[in-house]
Protein backbone atom coordinates (compact mmCIF):
# COMPACT_ATOMS: atom_id res chain seq x y z
CA MET A 1 -0.37 0.08 0.20
CA ALA A 2 1.54 3.35 -1.10
CA THR A 3 1.65 6.40 1.25
CA VAL A 4 1.15 9.64 0.93
CA ASP A 5 3.66 11.85 2.25
CA ALA A 6 1.90 15.16 3.66
CA VAL A 7 4.62 17.27 2.69
CA GLU A 8 4.12 16.72 -1.03
CA VAL A 9 0.54 17.26 -0.40
CA MET A 10 1.29 20.59 1.14
CA GLU A 11 3.60 21.37 -2.22
CA GLU A 12 1.07 20.20 -4.37
CA ILE A 13 -1.48 22.36 -2.79
CA VAL A 14 0.43 25.32 -2.13
CA THR A 15 1.84 25.22 -5.78
CA GLU A 16 -1.51 24.83 -7.54
CA GLU A 17 -4.82 26.94 -7.08
CA PRO A 18 -7.08 25.20 -5.58
CA MET A 19 -9.78 27.72 -6.27
CA ARG A 20 -9.87 30.81 -8.44
CA ASN A 21 -9.12 33.64 -6.15
CA HIS A 22 -12.19 35.34 -7.37
CA ASN A 23 -14.55 32.67 -6.18
CA HIS A 24 -12.17 32.33 -2.86
CA ASP A 25 -12.68 36.47 -2.55
CA LEU A 26 -17.04 35.51 -2.98
CA ILE A 27 -16.61 32.98 0.08
CA GLN A 28 -14.40 34.94 2.02
CA VAL A 29 -16.41 37.98 1.88
CA LEU A 30 -19.61 35.86 2.42
CA SER A 31 -18.41 34.43 5.41
CA GLU A 32 -17.13 38.10 6.67
CA LYS A 33 -20.45 39.22 6.56
CA LEU A 34 -21.99 36.38 8.18
CA ASP A 35 -19.54 36.73 11.38
CA GLY A 36 -21.09 40.58 11.59
CA VAL A 37 -24.78 39.62 10.67
CA VAL A 38 -24.16 37.11 14.01
CA ARG A 39 -22.78 39.78 16.14
CA TYR A 40 -24.77 43.17 15.17
CA PRO A 41 -27.28 41.54 17.25
CA VAL A 42 -25.28 41.42 20.56
CA TYR A 43 -23.94 45.32 19.45
CA HIS A 44 -27.38 46.67 19.19
CA GLU A 45 -28.38 45.39 22.61
CA ASP A 46 -25.22 47.07 24.34
CA ALA A 47 -26.30 50.24 23.11
CA VAL A 48 -30.11 49.89 24.15
CA ASP A 49 -30.08 52.03 27.30
CA GLU A 50 -27.43 53.92 26.05
CA CYS A 51 -27.85 55.57 22.69
CA GLU A 52 -30.23 55.24 20.34
CA VAL A 53 -28.39 56.50 17.03
CA CYS A 54 -26.02 53.54 17.99
CA MET A 55 -28.64 50.98 17.81
CA ARG A 56 -30.34 52.55 14.50
CA ILE A 57 -26.79 52.07 13.31
CA TRP A 58 -26.23 48.93 14.55
CA GLU A 59 -29.77 47.59 12.98
CA GLU A 60 -29.37 49.46 9.41
CA ILE A 61 -25.62 47.86 9.07
CA LYS A 62 -27.20 44.36 9.80
CA GLN A 63 -29.69 45.02 6.87
CA ASP A 64 -26.85 45.79 4.58
CA ASP A 65 -24.91 43.01 5.16
CA MET A 66 -28.24 40.75 4.93
CA LYS A 67 -28.82 42.48 1.58
CA HIS A 68 -24.88 42.04 0.80
CA VAL A 69 -24.91 38.31 1.92
CA GLU A 70 -27.72 37.29 -0.59
CA MET A 71 -25.82 39.01 -3.22
CA LEU A 72 -22.97 36.86 -2.74
CA ARG A 73 -24.87 33.61 -2.30
CA ASP A 74 -26.45 34.16 -5.40
CA GLU A 75 -23.24 34.39 -7.38
CA ILE A 76 -21.94 31.62 -5.79
CA ILE A 77 -24.77 29.29 -6.60
CA ARG A 78 -24.39 31.07 -10.13
CA HIS A 79 -21.37 29.57 -10.20
CA ALA A 80 -21.67 26.57 -9.04
CA LYS A 81 -24.17 25.88 -11.48
CA GLU A 82 -22.29 27.06 -14.41
CA GLY A 83 -19.44 25.14 -13.62
CA THR A 84 -17.71 27.76 -12.96
CA PHE A 85 -17.00 27.49 -9.53
CA ASP A 86 -13.49 26.04 -8.65
């Protein structure tokens, strides 16, 4: 049975582009936006008794990021359906 040399596998991953950069960018930004969407309610809650303007800011930022999440998700789906998500 042949063994796989982990160093060779890592070198192959590093030297070959495992995913097109623009597809990776879509995933990266989607991940960042989703992290924010999860955190914004906490930030909003922190502002409840402190600052009404800050509460509105967190609400608006969350709404904006949800739109961006939808845009990114739709584009990733489109690439996958077209077979260009690699």
